[in-house]
Amino acid sequence: MAKSVRLDSRLESRLERAARVLGISQSELIREAVAKRCEEVVRPSLAVRLAPLIGLIKTSGGRARHTGMAFRRALAKKRAR
């Protein structure tokens, strides 16, 4: 799908130079930049990314036990939203 964007002259010059240095087309550089930015913006939340790791480490107690329980409660509360 074709899209159209407007670039000021400074950004257009930087785009041309960067594409030339990388040895790729300007279109490819733009696609890569947009894909990277979209991933940064719409990637899963930290809670979702950490979910598989929660509870993997067992401790003998102390503050770690209380911190872990508090984190699990906070994560559960966030998921309930």
Foldseek 3Di string as FASTA:
>chain_A
DDDDDDDDPVVVVVLVVVCVVVVHDSVVVVVVVVVVVVCVVPPDDPLVVCVVVQPPDDDPDDVVVVVSVVVVVVSVVVVVD
